[in-house]
C-alpha atoms as a PDB file:
ATOM      1  CA  MET A   1       3.097   6.592 -19.391  1.00  0.00           C
ATOM      2  CA  THR A   2       2.409   4.125 -16.586  1.00  0.00           C
ATOM      3  CA  LYS A   3       5.109   3.842 -13.949  1.00  0.00           C
ATOM      4  CA  LEU A   4       5.937   0.439 -12.531  1.00  0.00           C
ATOM      5  CA  ILE A   5       6.953  -1.013  -9.220  1.00  0.00           C
ATOM      6  CA  SER A   6       8.527  -4.452  -9.671  1.00  0.00           C
ATOM      7  CA  ILE A   7       7.896  -7.012  -6.942  1.00  0.00           C
ATOM      8  CA  VAL A   8      10.672  -9.599  -6.781  1.00  0.00           C
ATOM      9  CA  THR A   9      10.076 -13.018  -5.250  1.00  0.00           C
ATOM     10  CA  ALA A  10      12.550 -15.861  -4.925  1.00  0.00           C
ATOM     11  CA  VAL A  11      10.854 -19.211  -4.351  1.00  0.00           C
ATOM     12  CA  HIS A  12      11.957 -22.792  -3.827  1.00  0.00           C
ATOM     13  CA  ALA A  13       9.775 -25.883  -3.934  1.00  0.00           C
ATOM     14  CA  PRO A  14       8.823 -26.107  -0.215  1.00  0.00           C
ATOM     15  CA  GLY A  15       7.541 -22.525  -0.186  1.00  0.00           C
ATOM     16  CA  ALA A  16       5.589 -22.618  -3.445  1.00  0.00           C
ATOM     17  CA  GLN A  17       2.365 -23.559  -1.654  1.00  0.00           C
ATOM     18  CA  HIS A  18       2.223 -20.058  -0.180  1.00  0.00           C
ATOM     19  CA  LEU A  19       2.334 -18.223  -3.522  1.00  0.00           C
ATOM     20  CA  PRO A  20      -1.476 -17.961  -3.814  1.00  0.00           C
ATOM     21  CA  ASP A  21      -1.647 -16.070  -0.516  1.00  0.00           C
ATOM     22  CA  ALA A  22       1.189 -13.800  -1.595  1.00  0.00           C
ATOM     23  CA  TYR A  23      -0.551 -13.182  -4.931  1.00  0.00           C
ATOM     24  CA  LYS A  24      -3.838 -12.304  -3.251  1.00  0.00           C
ATOM     25  CA  SER A  25      -2.038  -9.697  -1.162  1.00  0.00           C
ATOM     26  CA  VAL A  26      -0.420  -8.234  -4.294  1.00  0.00           C
ATOM     27  CA  ALA A  27      -3.571  -8.272  -6.430  1.00  0.00           C
ATOM     28  CA  GLU A  28      -5.481  -6.328  -3.775  1.00  0.00           C
ATOM     29  CA  GLN A  29      -2.983  -3.444  -3.704  1.00  0.00           C
ATOM     30  CA  GLN A  30      -4.291  -0.004  -4.658  1.00  0.00           C
ATOM     31  CA  LEU A  31      -1.595   2.153  -6.248  1.00  0.00           C
ATOM     32  CA  PRO A  32      -1.542   5.895  -6.913  1.00  0.00           C
ATOM     33  CA  ASP A  33      -2.829   7.098 -10.284  1.00  0.00           C
ATOM     34  CA  GLY A  34      -0.349   6.399 -13.065  1.00  0.00           C
ATOM     35  CA  TRP A  35       1.246   3.417 -11.289  1.00  0.00           C
ATOM     36  CA  ASP A  36       0.979  -0.334 -11.746  1.00  0.00           C
ATOM     37  CA  TRP A  37       2.851  -3.384 -10.462  1.00  0.00           C
ATOM     38  CA  GLN A  38       4.544  -6.366 -12.007  1.00  0.00           C
ATOM     39  CA  TRP A  39       5.428  -9.510 -10.067  1.00  0.00           C
ATOM     40  CA  ILE A  40       8.689 -11.221 -11.003  1.00  0.00           C
ATOM     41  CA  ILE A  41       8.899 -14.748  -9.567  1.00  0.00           C
ATOM     42  CA  GLN A  42      12.175 -16.653  -9.852  1.00  0.00           C
ATOM     43  CA  GLU A  43      12.475 -20.273  -8.780  1.00  0.00           C
ATOM     44  CA  ASP A  44      15.709 -21.138  -7.025  1.00  0.00           C
ATOM     45  CA  GLY A  45      16.039 -24.373  -8.958  1.00  0.00           C
ATOM     46  CA  GLU A  46      14.438 -26.147 -11.880  1.00  0.00           C
ATOM     47  CA  THR A  47      11.734 -28.426 -10.543  1.00  0.00           C
ATOM     48  CA  ASP A  48       8.141 -29.255 -11.429  1.00  0.00           C
ATOM     49  CA  ALA A  49       6.933 -28.215  -7.978  1.00  0.00           C
ATOM     50  CA  VAL A  50       6.554 -24.453  -8.393  1.00  0.00           C
ATOM     51  CA  SER A  51       5.016 -23.535 -11.741  1.00  0.00           C
ATOM     52  CA  GLY A  52       1.614 -24.969 -10.837  1.00  0.00           C
ATOM     53  CA  TRP A  53       1.319 -22.441  -8.004  1.00  0.00           C
ATOM     54  CA  VAL A  54       2.115 -19.404 -10.183  1.00  0.00           C
ATOM     55  CA  PRO A  55      -1.015 -17.311 -10.858  1.00  0.00           C
ATOM     56  CA  ASP A  56      -2.299 -16.813 -14.390  1.00  0.00           C
ATOM     57  CA  ASP A  57      -1.946 -13.038 -14.630  1.00  0.00           C
ATOM     58  CA  ARG A  58      -0.291 -11.030 -17.421  1.00  0.00           C
ATOM     59  CA  ARG A  59       1.475  -8.940 -14.770  1.00  0.00           C
ATOM     60  CA  VAL A  60       3.209 -12.035 -13.366  1.00  0.00           C
ATOM     61  CA  SER A  61       6.463 -13.369 -14.843  1.00  0.00           C
ATOM     62  CA  PHE A  62       7.919 -16.735 -13.848  1.00  0.00           C
ATOM     63  CA  ALA A  63      11.316 -18.235 -14.631  1.00  0.00           C
ATOM     64  CA  GLN A  64      13.628 -20.922 -13.277  1.00  0.00           C
ATOM     65  CA  GLY A  65      17.377 -21.287 -12.911  1.00  0.00           C
ATOM     66  CA  ARG A  66      20.177 -23.226 -11.313  1.00  0.00           C
ATOM     67  CA  PRO A  67      19.836 -23.367  -7.519  1.00  0.00           C
ATOM     68  CA  GLY A  68      22.038 -20.907  -5.664  1.00  0.00           C
ATOM     69  CA  GLY A  69      19.948 -19.431  -2.872  1.00  0.00           C
ATOM     70  CA  PRO A  70      17.569 -16.458  -2.670  1.00  0.00           C
ATOM     71  CA  ALA A  71      20.239 -13.823  -3.401  1.00  0.00           C
ATOM     72  CA  MET A  72      21.049 -15.383  -6.763  1.00  0.00           C
ATOM     73  CA  ALA A  73      17.397 -15.982  -7.596  1.00  0.00           C
ATOM     74  CA  ARG A  74      16.502 -12.349  -6.914  1.00  0.00           C
ATOM     75  CA  THR A  75      19.471 -11.141  -8.940  1.00  0.00           C
ATOM     76  CA  MET A  76      18.365 -13.262 -11.885  1.00  0.00           C
ATOM     77  CA  ALA A  77      14.858 -11.848 -11.487  1.00  0.00           C
ATOM     78  CA  LEU A  78      16.243  -8.326 -11.898  1.00  0.00           C
ATOM     79  CA  SER A  79      16.856  -9.095 -15.579  1.00  0.00           C
ATOM     80  CA  ARG A  80      13.068  -9.071 -16.068  1.00  0.00           C
ATOM     81  CA  CYS A  81      12.261  -6.041 -13.915  1.00  0.00           C
ATOM     82  CA  ASP A  82      11.010  -2.923 -15.681  1.00  0.00           C
ATOM     83  CA  GLY A  83      10.096  -0.979 -12.564  1.00  0.00           C
ATOM     84  CA  GLU A  84      11.600   2.221 -11.259  1.00  0.00           C
ATOM     85  CA  TYR A  85      11.348   0.719  -7.785  1.00  0.00           C
ATOM     86  CA  ILE A  86      12.057  -2.856  -6.681  1.00  0.00           C
ATOM     87  CA  LYS A  87       9.966  -4.321  -3.878  1.00  0.00           C
ATOM     88  CA  VAL A  88      11.025  -7.508  -2.080  1.00  0.00           C
ATOM     89  CA  LEU A  89       8.345 -10.059  -1.228  1.00  0.00           C
ATOM     90  CA  ASP A  90       9.323 -13.487   0.052  1.00  0.00           C
ATOM     91  CA  ALA A  91       7.152 -16.294  -1.302  1.00  0.00           C
ATOM     92  CA  ASP A  92       5.711 -17.152   2.117  1.00  0.00           C
ATOM     93  CA  ASP A  93       4.918 -13.572   3.179  1.00  0.00           C
ATOM     94  CA  MET A  94       2.019 -11.230   2.410  1.00  0.00           C
ATOM     95  CA  LEU A  95       1.712  -7.504   1.834  1.00  0.00           C
ATOM     96  CA  THR A  96      -0.814  -5.563   3.866  1.00  0.00           C
ATOM     97  CA  PRO A  97      -3.378  -3.302   2.163  1.00  0.00           C
ATOM     98  CA  GLY A  98      -1.771  -0.092   0.931  1.00  0.00           C
ATOM     99  CA  ALA A  99       1.809  -1.284   1.401  1.00  0.00           C
ATOM    100  CA  LEU A 100       2.918  -0.573  -2.174  1.00  0.00           C
ATOM    101  CA  ALA A 101       1.245   2.838  -2.235  1.00  0.00           C
ATOM    102  CA  ARG A 102       3.047   3.818   0.948  1.00  0.00           C
ATOM    103  CA  ASP A 103       6.374   2.714  -0.548  1.00  0.00           C
ATOM    104  CA  VAL A 104       5.749   4.720  -3.713  1.00  0.00           C
ATOM    105  CA  GLN A 105       4.831   7.754  -1.640  1.00  0.00           C
ATOM    106  CA  ALA A 106       7.967   7.432   0.486  1.00  0.00           C
ATOM    107  CA  LEU A 107      10.285   7.150  -2.520  1.00  0.00           C
ATOM    108  CA  SER A 108       8.631   9.610  -4.873  1.00  0.00           C
ATOM    109  CA  GLY A 109       7.701  12.249  -2.312  1.00  0.00           C
ATOM    110  CA  PRO A 110       9.862  14.977  -0.762  1.00  0.00           C
ATOM    111  CA  THR A 111      11.517  12.657   1.776  1.00  0.00           C
ATOM    112  CA  GLY A 112      14.897  12.389   0.040  1.00  0.00           C
ATOM    113  CA  ALA A 113      14.735   8.619   0.622  1.00  0.00           C
ATOM    114  CA  SER A 114      16.142   6.109  -1.850  1.00  0.00           C
ATOM    115  CA  TRP A 115      14.802   3.051  -0.020  1.00  0.00           C
ATOM    116  CA  ALA A 116      11.941   2.319   2.345  1.00  0.00           C
ATOM    117  CA  THR A 117      10.990  -0.201   5.015  1.00  0.00           C
ATOM    118  CA  SER A 118       7.915  -0.685   7.173  1.00  0.00           C
ATOM    119  CA  ARG A 119       6.580  -2.308  10.314  1.00  0.00           C
ATOM    120  CA  VAL A 120       6.217  -6.111  10.282  1.00  0.00           C
ATOM    121  CA  LEU A 121       3.881  -8.485  12.053  1.00  0.00           C
ATOM    122  CA  ASP A 122       4.866 -12.121  12.499  1.00  0.00           C
ATOM    123  CA  LEU A 123       2.068 -14.399  11.319  1.00  0.00           C
ATOM    124  CA  LEU A 124       2.144 -17.415  13.617  1.00  0.00           C
ATOM    125  CA  PRO A 125       0.948 -20.933  12.684  1.00  0.00           C
ATOM    126  CA  ASP A 126      -2.235 -20.551  14.769  1.00  0.00           C
ATOM    127  CA  GLY A 127      -3.210 -17.403  12.843  1.00  0.00           C
ATOM    128  CA  SER A 128      -2.284 -14.966  15.597  1.00  0.00           C
ATOM    129  CA  THR A 129       0.218 -12.167  15.087  1.00  0.00           C
ATOM    130  CA  ALA A 130       3.105 -10.728  17.063  1.00  0.00           C
ATOM    131  CA  GLY A 131       4.874  -7.421  16.534  1.00  0.00           C
ATOM    132  CA  PHE A 132       8.236  -5.916  17.397  1.00  0.00           C
ATOM    133  CA  ASP A 133       7.973  -3.480  20.302  1.00  0.00           C
ATOM    134  CA  GLN A 134      11.036  -1.386  19.444  1.00  0.00           C
ATOM    135  CA  ASP A 135      10.214  -0.034  15.993  1.00  0.00           C
ATOM    136  CA  PRO A 136      11.692   3.383  15.240  1.00  0.00           C
ATOM    137  CA  PRO A 137       9.339   6.329  14.781  1.00  0.00           C
ATOM    138  CA  GLU A 138       7.978   6.921  11.303  1.00  0.00           C
ATOM    139  CA  GLY A 139      10.276   9.103   9.271  1.00  0.00           C
ATOM    140  CA  PRO A 140      13.707   9.281   7.679  1.00  0.00           C
ATOM    141  CA  ILE A 141      16.466   6.802   8.458  1.00  0.00           C
ATOM    142  CA  GLU A 142      19.701   8.716   8.222  1.00  0.00           C
ATOM    143  CA  ARG A 143      22.907   7.270   6.841  1.00  0.00           C
ATOM    144  CA  GLY A 144      24.815   5.012   9.235  1.00  0.00           C
ATOM    145  CA  THR A 145      22.083   4.664  11.857  1.00  0.00           C
ATOM    146  CA  VAL A 146      21.075   1.113  10.924  1.00  0.00           C
ATOM    147  CA  LEU A 147      24.682  -0.095  11.009  1.00  0.00           C
ATOM    148  CA  GLU A 148      25.258   1.553  14.383  1.00  0.00           C
ATOM    149  CA  HIS A 149      22.172  -0.084  15.889  1.00  0.00           C
ATOM    150  CA  TRP A 150      22.948  -3.455  14.289  1.00  0.00           C
ATOM    151  CA  LYS A 151      26.443  -3.573  15.779  1.00  0.00           C
ATOM    152  CA  ALA A 152      25.173  -2.583  19.218  1.00  0.00           C
ATOM    153  CA  HIS A 153      22.290  -5.092  19.323  1.00  0.00           C
ATOM    154  CA  ASP A 154      23.860  -8.452  18.467  1.00  0.00           C
ATOM    155  CA  PHE A 155      23.429  -7.959  14.717  1.00  0.00           C
ATOM    156  CA  ARG A 156      19.715  -7.152  14.873  1.00  0.00           C
ATOM    157  CA  ALA A 157      18.644  -4.302  12.633  1.00  0.00           C
ATOM    158  CA  PRO A 158      16.045  -1.765  13.825  1.00  0.00           C
ATOM    159  CA  VAL A 159      14.014  -2.279  10.622  1.00  0.00           C
ATOM    160  CA  HIS A 160      13.158  -5.466   8.734  1.00  0.00           C
ATOM    161  CA  PRO A 161      14.957  -6.110   5.414  1.00  0.00           C
ATOM    162  CA  ALA A 162      12.086  -8.308   4.164  1.00  0.00           C
ATOM    163  CA  THR A 163      10.071  -5.085   3.690  1.00  0.00           C
ATOM    164  CA  LEU A 164      12.618  -3.302   1.500  1.00  0.00           C
ATOM    165  CA  CYS A 165      11.543  -1.221  -1.463  1.00  0.00           C
ATOM    166  CA  VAL A 166      14.463   0.418  -3.254  1.00  0.00           C
ATOM    167  CA  ARG A 167      15.283   2.463  -6.305  1.00  0.00           C
ATOM    168  CA  ARG A 168      16.353   0.122  -9.086  1.00  0.00           C
ATOM    169  CA  ASP A 169      19.404   2.199 -10.033  1.00  0.00           C
ATOM    170  CA  LEU A 170      20.732   2.174  -6.470  1.00  0.00           C
ATOM    171  CA  LEU A 171      20.100  -1.559  -6.119  1.00  0.00           C
ATOM    172  CA  LEU A 172      22.102  -2.228  -9.272  1.00  0.00           C
ATOM    173  CA  ALA A 173      24.889   0.140  -8.208  1.00  0.00           C
ATOM    174  CA  LEU A 174      25.353  -1.875  -5.007  1.00  0.00           C
ATOM    175  CA  GLY A 175      25.348  -5.207  -6.832  1.00  0.00           C
ATOM    176  CA  GLY A 176      22.016  -6.384  -5.444  1.00  0.00           C
ATOM    177  CA  TRP A 177      21.810  -8.883  -2.617  1.00  0.00           C
ATOM    178  CA  MET A 178      24.951 -10.242  -1.017  1.00  0.00           C
ATOM    179  CA  ALA A 179      26.113 -13.683  -2.172  1.00  0.00           C
ATOM    180  CA  LEU A 180      25.569 -15.318   1.214  1.00  0.00           C
ATOM    181  CA  PRO A 181      23.777 -18.505   2.280  1.00  0.00           C
ATOM    182  CA  ALA A 182      21.525 -16.356   4.506  1.00  0.00           C
ATOM    183  CA  SER A 183      21.224 -12.743   5.738  1.00  0.00           C
ATOM    184  CA  GLU A 184      21.656 -11.562   2.141  1.00  0.00           C
ATOM    185  CA  ASP A 185      18.847  -9.043   2.614  1.00  0.00           C
ATOM    186  CA  THR A 186      20.432  -7.700   5.806  1.00  0.00           C
ATOM    187  CA  GLY A 187      23.652  -7.201   3.867  1.00  0.00           C
ATOM    188  CA  LEU A 188      21.757  -5.165   1.282  1.00  0.00           C
ATOM    189  CA  LEU A 189      19.970  -3.128   3.963  1.00  0.00           C
ATOM    190  CA  LEU A 190      23.246  -2.133   5.621  1.00  0.00           C
ATOM    191  CA  ALA A 191      24.848  -1.286   2.278  1.00  0.00           C
ATOM    192  CA  LEU A 192      21.882   0.931   1.405  1.00  0.00           C
ATOM    193  CA  ASN A 193      22.111   2.664   4.761  1.00  0.00           C
ATOM    194  CA  ALA A 194      25.835   3.238   4.280  1.00  0.00           C
ATOM    195  CA  VAL A 195      25.352   5.342   1.160  1.00  0.00           C
ATOM    196  CA  SER A 196      21.832   6.784   1.241  1.00  0.00           C
ATOM    197  CA  ARG A 197      18.881   7.954   3.275  1.00  0.00           C
ATOM    198  CA  GLY A 198      15.970   5.593   3.915  1.00  0.00           C
ATOM    199  CA  TRP A 199      12.450   5.820   5.256  1.00  0.00           C
ATOM    200  CA  PHE A 200      10.454   3.874   7.845  1.00  0.00           C
ATOM    201  CA  THR A 201       6.677   3.598   7.663  1.00  0.00           C
ATOM    202  CA  ALA A 202       5.075   2.876  11.030  1.00  0.00           C
ATOM    203  CA  GLU A 203       1.974   1.283   9.505  1.00  0.00           C
ATOM    204  CA  THR A 204       2.331  -2.483   9.099  1.00  0.00           C
ATOM    205  CA  GLY A 205       3.452  -3.339   5.583  1.00  0.00           C
ATOM    206  CA  LEU A 206       4.153  -7.070   5.796  1.00  0.00           C
ATOM    207  CA  MET A 207       2.828 -10.242   7.352  1.00  0.00           C
ATOM    208  CA  TYR A 208       5.929 -12.361   7.976  1.00  0.00           C
ATOM    209  CA  ARG A 209       4.843 -15.989   8.012  1.00  0.00           C
ATOM    210  CA  LYS A 210       6.367 -18.260  10.653  1.00  0.00           C
ATOM    211  CA  TRP A 211       6.209 -21.907   9.590  1.00  0.00           C
ATOM    212  CA  PRO A 212       8.405 -25.006   9.930  1.00  0.00           C
ATOM    213  CA  GLY A 213       9.745 -24.910   6.379  1.00  0.00           C
ATOM    214  CA  GLN A 214      11.012 -21.330   6.350  1.00  0.00           C
ATOM    215  CA  MET A 215      14.744 -20.995   5.738  1.00  0.00           C
ATOM    216  CA  THR A 216      15.370 -18.758   8.757  1.00  0.00           C
ATOM    217  CA  GLY A 217      13.879 -21.433  10.997  1.00  0.00           C
ATOM    218  CA  GLN A 218      16.381 -24.112  10.016  1.00  0.00           C
ATOM    219  CA  ALA A 219      19.239 -25.085  12.340  1.00  0.00           C
ATOM    220  CA  ALA A 220      21.852 -24.094   9.761  1.00  0.00           C
ATOM    221  CA  HIS A 221      20.669 -20.493   9.921  1.00  0.00           C
ATOM    222  CA  SER A 222      21.908 -20.109  13.495  1.00  0.00           C
ATOM    223  CA  HIS A 223      25.100 -22.187  13.162  1.00  0.00           C
ATOM    224  CA  GLU A 224      27.527 -20.031  15.126  1.00  0.00           C
ATOM    225  CA  ALA A 225      30.588 -20.268  12.872  1.00  0.00           C
ATOM    226  CA  GLU A 226      28.627 -19.513   9.736  1.00  0.00           C
ATOM    227  CA  ARG A 227      26.634 -16.731  11.404  1.00  0.00           C
ATOM    228  CA  SER A 228      29.830 -15.080  12.625  1.00  0.00           C
ATOM    229  CA  ALA A 229      31.290 -15.221   9.133  1.00  0.00           C
ATOM    230  CA  ARG A 230      28.124 -13.743   7.596  1.00  0.00           C
ATOM    231  CA  MET A 231      28.023 -10.904  10.091  1.00  0.00           C
ATOM    232  CA  ALA A 232      31.725 -10.166   9.619  1.00  0.00           C
ATOM    233  CA  VAL A 233      31.503  -9.782   5.846  1.00  0.00           C
ATOM    234  CA  ILE A 234      28.252  -7.775   6.061  1.00  0.00           C
ATOM    235  CA  ALA A 235      29.885  -5.374   8.524  1.00  0.00           C
ATOM    236  CA  ALA A 236      33.062  -5.121   6.445  1.00  0.00           C
ATOM    237  CA  ARG A 237      31.129  -4.216   3.307  1.00  0.00           C
ATOM    238  CA  ALA A 238      29.080  -1.562   5.106  1.00  0.00           C
ATOM    239  CA  ASP A 239      32.170  -0.114   6.777  1.00  0.00           C
ATOM    240  CA  VAL A 240      34.025   0.147   3.470  1.00  0.00           C
ATOM    241  CA  LEU A 241      31.081   1.809   1.744  1.00  0.00           C
ATOM    242  CA  THR A 242      30.796   4.270   4.608  1.00  0.00           C
ATOM    243  CA  ALA A 243      34.484   5.144   4.405  1.00  0.00           C
ATOM    244  CA  ILE A 244      34.826   5.593   0.635  1.00  0.00           C
ATOM    245  CA  PRO A 245      35.010   9.339  -0.078  1.00  0.00           C
ATOM    246  CA  GLY A 246      32.188  10.493  -2.286  1.00  0.00           C
ATOM    247  CA  TRP A 247      30.250   7.193  -2.333  1.00  0.00           C
ATOM    248  CA  ARG A 248      26.897   8.754  -1.570  1.00  0.00           C
ATOM    249  CA  PHE A 249      23.618   8.284  -3.353  1.00  0.00           C
ATOM    250  CA  ASP A 250      21.908  11.647  -3.061  1.00  0.00           C
ATOM    251  CA  LEU A 251      18.795  12.419  -5.048  1.00  0.00           C
ATOM    252  CA  ALA A 252      18.813  15.365  -7.405  1.00  0.00           C
ATOM    253  CA  PRO A 253      16.702  18.305  -6.182  1.00  0.00           C
ATOM    254  CA  GLU A 254      14.030  17.637  -8.808  1.00  0.00           C
ATOM    255  CA  GLU A 255      13.667  14.050  -7.508  1.00  0.00           C
ATOM    256  CA  ARG A 256      12.985  15.057  -3.926  1.00  0.00           C
END
């Protein structure tokens, strides 16, 4: 039986123009024998501006829903996911060659990891790229280390949540992405790190597009009062998960 990795993409009208580039990066992925992908695209809204950009591919599923932000759109997309693993891909980003295979290897190999992240390169408007010079070494990310770093570095995580690939059962157990106007993927990353071991792949797995219409580039994203509130609730959730006795997601020996 073929195993699946489900790629989940939330999209709103301004970002739909980038879906063809995202699709190209998905279609070119080479997966291990016995694996295939499905791409679950969920529009955050019900417009006529997105469907025309969705590729005609039997492995691609598209649906729409009431607008509520990327966290809600991704959660709605989960209803159509059949994969053992869930891979996040923002509509304006692109996977690098081999990214999905490396995620599958990290989660199905003997690493004991329940989620995986990878190196990111910013793709700038002029076509050049820029990387982060403080990536951790390739290998396991032990419980609590992301939260510790995040608190000590002005709420900047050592790994990028836009590269997350996670076991579907763990994602559901944590309730998916946080219901926040932004930083919902950071909230998920810290919750994952509070209860389980992760993995970091040093090879670049994502091209993170920088462009004027991206949500993280809007003024509201850095509004101090809102940002403080987001960070406070993200930290509180991670702290509570860390403190709950027995709330650990450890893989069974046969799954390692």
